[in-house]
Amino acid sequence: MDTTTRLVKVIYPSNDGRNKVEEDYNMGRKDEEEEKEEEDEKEEEEKEEKEKEDEDEEEEAEEEEEEEEEEEE
């Protein structure tokens, strides 16, 4: 988990035409959106790795079948 302190400036429009600026010290807490994005990325990477492994297994199975057919002939 990210433990750095970040200074976040939030700009709010105000009625008098000037923007109100608030500073917020985010004490190492990530936004829920950031955490969700990171989790989604990890899940996607895991899916891709699993798909690649499945493809490799299928290729090996096909090669073994071809070798068996050649041996039978």
N, C-alpha and C. Protein backbone atom coordinates (compact mmCIF):
# COMPACT_ATOMS: atom_id res chain seq x y z
N MET A 1 0.84 -1.19 0.00
CA MET A 1 0.00 0.00 0.00
C MET A 1 0.87 1.24 0.00
N ASP A 2 0.43 2.24 -0.69
CA ASP A 2 1.15 3.50 -0.78
C ASP A 2 1.05 4.22 0.56
N THR A 3 2.21 4.54 1.16
CA THR A 3 2.19 5.20 2.47
C THR A 3 2.70 6.63 2.40
N THR A 4 2.85 7.17 1.20
CA THR A 4 3.33 8.54 1.08
C THR A 4 2.21 9.52 1.37
N THR A 5 2.59 10.70 1.82
CA THR A 5 1.61 11.75 2.08
C THR A 5 1.53 12.62 0.83
N ARG A 6 0.34 12.82 0.36
CA ARG A 6 0.14 13.63 -0.84
C ARG A 6 -0.68 14.86 -0.49
N LEU A 7 -0.28 15.97 -1.06
CA LEU A 7 -1.04 17.20 -0.92
C LEU A 7 -1.98 17.29 -2.11
N VAL A 8 -3.25 17.38 -1.82
CA VAL A 8 -4.25 17.42 -2.88
C VAL A 8 -4.93 18.78 -2.84
N LYS A 9 -4.93 19.46 -3.97
CA LYS A 9 -5.63 20.74 -4.05
C LYS A 9 -6.94 20.53 -4.78
N VAL A 10 -8.00 20.97 -4.15
CA VAL A 10 -9.33 20.83 -4.73
C VAL A 10 -9.85 22.22 -5.02
N ILE A 11 -10.28 22.45 -6.25
CA ILE A 11 -10.77 23.77 -6.65
C ILE A 11 -12.28 23.72 -6.79
N TYR A 12 -12.95 24.58 -6.04
CA TYR A 12 -14.41 24.66 -6.09
C TYR A 12 -14.81 26.01 -6.67
N PRO A 13 -15.72 26.04 -7.62
CA PRO A 13 -16.21 27.33 -8.10
C PRO A 13 -17.09 27.99 -7.04
N SER A 14 -16.96 29.30 -6.92
CA SER A 14 -17.79 30.01 -5.94
C SER A 14 -18.69 31.01 -6.65
N ASN A 15 -19.66 31.53 -5.94
CA ASN A 15 -20.66 32.42 -6.53
C ASN A 15 -20.09 33.76 -6.97
N ASP A 16 -19.01 34.22 -6.34
CA ASP A 16 -18.49 35.54 -6.68
C ASP A 16 -17.55 35.52 -7.88
N GLY A 17 -17.46 34.40 -8.58
CA GLY A 17 -16.66 34.34 -9.80
C GLY A 17 -15.24 33.87 -9.56
N ARG A 18 -14.80 33.83 -8.32
CA ARG A 18 -13.46 33.34 -8.02
C ARG A 18 -13.56 31.88 -7.59
N ASN A 19 -12.49 31.17 -7.80
CA ASN A 19 -12.46 29.77 -7.40
C ASN A 19 -11.90 29.66 -5.99
N LYS A 20 -12.54 28.84 -5.20
CA LYS A 20 -12.09 28.59 -3.84
C LYS A 20 -11.18 27.36 -3.88
N VAL A 21 -9.98 27.48 -3.31
CA VAL A 21 -9.02 26.38 -3.32
C VAL A 21 -8.89 25.83 -1.91
N GLU A 22 -9.07 24.53 -1.78
CA GLU A 22 -8.87 23.87 -0.51
C GLU A 22 -7.74 22.88 -0.65
N GLU A 23 -6.90 22.83 0.37
CA GLU A 23 -5.80 21.87 0.37
C GLU A 23 -6.13 20.76 1.34
N ASP A 24 -5.87 19.56 0.92
CA ASP A 24 -6.18 18.40 1.75
C ASP A 24 -4.97 17.49 1.76
N TYR A 25 -4.51 17.13 2.94
CA TYR A 25 -3.40 16.19 3.04
C TYR A 25 -3.98 14.79 3.10
N ASN A 26 -3.73 14.05 2.04
CA ASN A 26 -4.21 12.68 1.97
C ASN A 26 -3.10 11.82 2.56
N MET A 27 -3.33 11.28 3.72
CA MET A 27 -2.28 10.57 4.46
C MET A 27 -2.09 9.15 3.92
N GLY A 28 -1.61 9.05 2.71
CA GLY A 28 -1.27 7.75 2.15
C GLY A 28 -2.45 6.89 1.78
N ARG A 29 -3.63 7.39 1.88
CA ARG A 29 -4.80 6.59 1.53
C ARG A 29 -5.11 6.81 0.06
N LYS A 30 -5.30 5.73 -0.61
CA LYS A 30 -5.65 5.83 -2.03
C LYS A 30 -7.14 5.99 -2.16
N ASP A 31 -7.52 6.65 -3.21
CA ASP A 31 -8.95 6.77 -3.49
C ASP A 31 -9.50 5.38 -3.79
N GLU A 32 -10.77 5.20 -3.51
CA GLU A 32 -11.40 3.91 -3.78
C GLU A 32 -11.33 3.58 -5.27
N GLU A 33 -11.43 4.62 -6.10
CA GLU A 33 -11.36 4.39 -7.55
C GLU A 33 -9.98 3.85 -7.94
N GLU A 34 -8.92 4.44 -7.38
CA GLU A 34 -7.57 3.98 -7.69
C GLU A 34 -7.39 2.54 -7.26
N GLU A 35 -7.86 2.20 -6.06
CA GLU A 35 -7.72 0.83 -5.58
C GLU A 35 -8.49 -0.14 -6.47
N LYS A 36 -9.68 0.26 -6.89
CA LYS A 36 -10.49 -0.61 -7.75
C LYS A 36 -9.81 -0.81 -9.10
N GLU A 37 -9.24 0.28 -9.64
CA GLU A 37 -8.54 0.17 -10.93
C GLU A 37 -7.36 -0.80 -10.81
N GLU A 38 -6.60 -0.69 -9.73
CA GLU A 38 -5.45 -1.58 -9.56
C GLU A 38 -5.90 -3.03 -9.42
N GLU A 39 -6.97 -3.26 -8.68
CA GLU A 39 -7.48 -4.62 -8.53
C GLU A 39 -7.95 -5.17 -9.89
N ASP A 40 -8.64 -4.33 -10.67
CA ASP A 40 -9.10 -4.75 -11.98
C ASP A 40 -7.92 -5.11 -12.88
N GLU A 41 -6.86 -4.29 -12.83
CA GLU A 41 -5.68 -4.56 -13.65
C GLU A 41 -5.04 -5.89 -13.26
N LYS A 42 -4.95 -6.15 -11.95
CA LYS A 42 -4.36 -7.41 -11.50
C LYS A 42 -5.19 -8.59 -11.98
N GLU A 43 -6.53 -8.47 -11.84
CA GLU A 43 -7.40 -9.56 -12.28
C GLU A 43 -7.25 -9.80 -13.78
N GLU A 44 -7.14 -8.71 -14.56
CA GLU A 44 -7.01 -8.84 -16.00
C GLU A 44 -5.69 -9.53 -16.35
N GLU A 45 -4.60 -9.15 -15.66
CA GLU A 45 -3.32 -9.78 -15.91
C GLU A 45 -3.37 -11.27 -15.58
N GLU A 46 -4.03 -11.61 -14.47
CA GLU A 46 -4.14 -13.02 -14.10
C GLU A 46 -4.93 -13.80 -15.14
N LYS A 47 -6.00 -13.19 -15.66
CA LYS A 47 -6.80 -13.85 -16.71
C LYS A 47 -5.95 -14.10 -17.94
N GLU A 48 -5.17 -13.08 -18.35
CA GLU A 48 -4.33 -13.22 -19.54
C GLU A 48 -3.30 -14.33 -19.35
N GLU A 49 -2.70 -14.39 -18.16
CA GLU A 49 -1.72 -15.43 -17.90
C GLU A 49 -2.37 -16.81 -17.97
N LYS A 50 -3.56 -16.93 -17.39
CA LYS A 50 -4.25 -18.22 -17.40
C LYS A 50 -4.61 -18.62 -18.83
N GLU A 51 -5.08 -17.66 -19.63
CA GLU A 51 -5.42 -17.96 -21.02
C GLU A 51 -4.18 -18.42 -21.78
N LYS A 52 -3.05 -17.76 -21.52
CA LYS A 52 -1.82 -18.14 -22.20
C LYS A 52 -1.41 -19.56 -21.81
N GLU A 53 -1.53 -19.88 -20.52
CA GLU A 53 -1.20 -21.23 -20.06
C GLU A 53 -2.11 -22.25 -20.72
N ASP A 54 -3.40 -21.94 -20.81
CA ASP A 54 -4.35 -22.85 -21.44
C ASP A 54 -3.98 -23.08 -22.90
N GLU A 55 -3.61 -21.99 -23.60
CA GLU A 55 -3.22 -22.12 -25.01
C GLU A 55 -1.98 -23.00 -25.15
N ASP A 56 -1.00 -22.80 -24.25
CA ASP A 56 0.21 -23.61 -24.29
C ASP A 56 -0.11 -25.08 -24.08
N GLU A 57 -1.01 -25.36 -23.13
CA GLU A 57 -1.40 -26.75 -22.87
C GLU A 57 -2.09 -27.36 -24.09
N GLU A 58 -2.94 -26.59 -24.75
CA GLU A 58 -3.63 -27.09 -25.94
C GLU A 58 -2.63 -27.40 -27.05
N GLU A 59 -1.65 -26.51 -27.23
CA GLU A 59 -0.64 -26.73 -28.26
C GLU A 59 0.15 -28.00 -27.97
N GLU A 60 0.51 -28.20 -26.70
CA GLU A 60 1.26 -29.41 -26.34
C GLU A 60 0.41 -30.66 -26.61
N ALA A 61 -0.86 -30.60 -26.29
CA ALA A 61 -1.75 -31.75 -26.51
C ALA A 61 -1.84 -32.05 -28.01
N GLU A 62 -1.95 -31.01 -28.83
CA GLU A 62 -2.03 -31.21 -30.27
C GLU A 62 -0.74 -31.83 -30.80
N GLU A 63 0.39 -31.35 -30.31
CA GLU A 63 1.67 -31.90 -30.77
C GLU A 63 1.79 -33.38 -30.39
N GLU A 64 1.36 -33.72 -29.18
CA GLU A 64 1.41 -35.12 -28.75
C GLU A 64 0.52 -35.99 -29.63
N GLU A 65 -0.67 -35.49 -29.98
CA GLU A 65 -1.57 -36.26 -30.85
C GLU A 65 -0.93 -36.48 -32.21
N GLU A 66 -0.29 -35.44 -32.75
CA GLU A 66 0.35 -35.58 -34.05
C GLU A 66 1.47 -36.60 -33.99
N GLU A 67 2.25 -36.59 -32.92
CA GLU A 67 3.34 -37.55 -32.78
C GLU A 67 2.79 -38.97 -32.69
N GLU A 68 1.70 -39.16 -31.96
CA GLU A 68 1.10 -40.49 -31.83
C GLU A 68 0.59 -40.98 -33.19
N GLU A 69 0.00 -40.08 -33.96
CA GLU A 69 -0.52 -40.47 -35.28
C GLU A 69 0.64 -40.86 -36.19
N GLU A 70 1.75 -40.13 -36.11
CA GLU A 70 2.90 -40.47 -36.95
C GLU A 70 3.48 -41.82 -36.55
N GLU A 71 3.51 -42.10 -35.25
CA GLU A 71 4.04 -43.38 -34.79
C GLU A 71 3.15 -44.53 -35.24
N GLU A 72 1.84 -44.32 -35.28
CA GLU A 72 0.92 -45.38 -35.72
C GLU A 72 1.12 -45.70 -37.19
N GLU A 73 1.47 -44.71 -37.98
CA GLU A 73 1.66 -44.94 -39.42
C GLU A 73 2.98 -45.61 -39.63
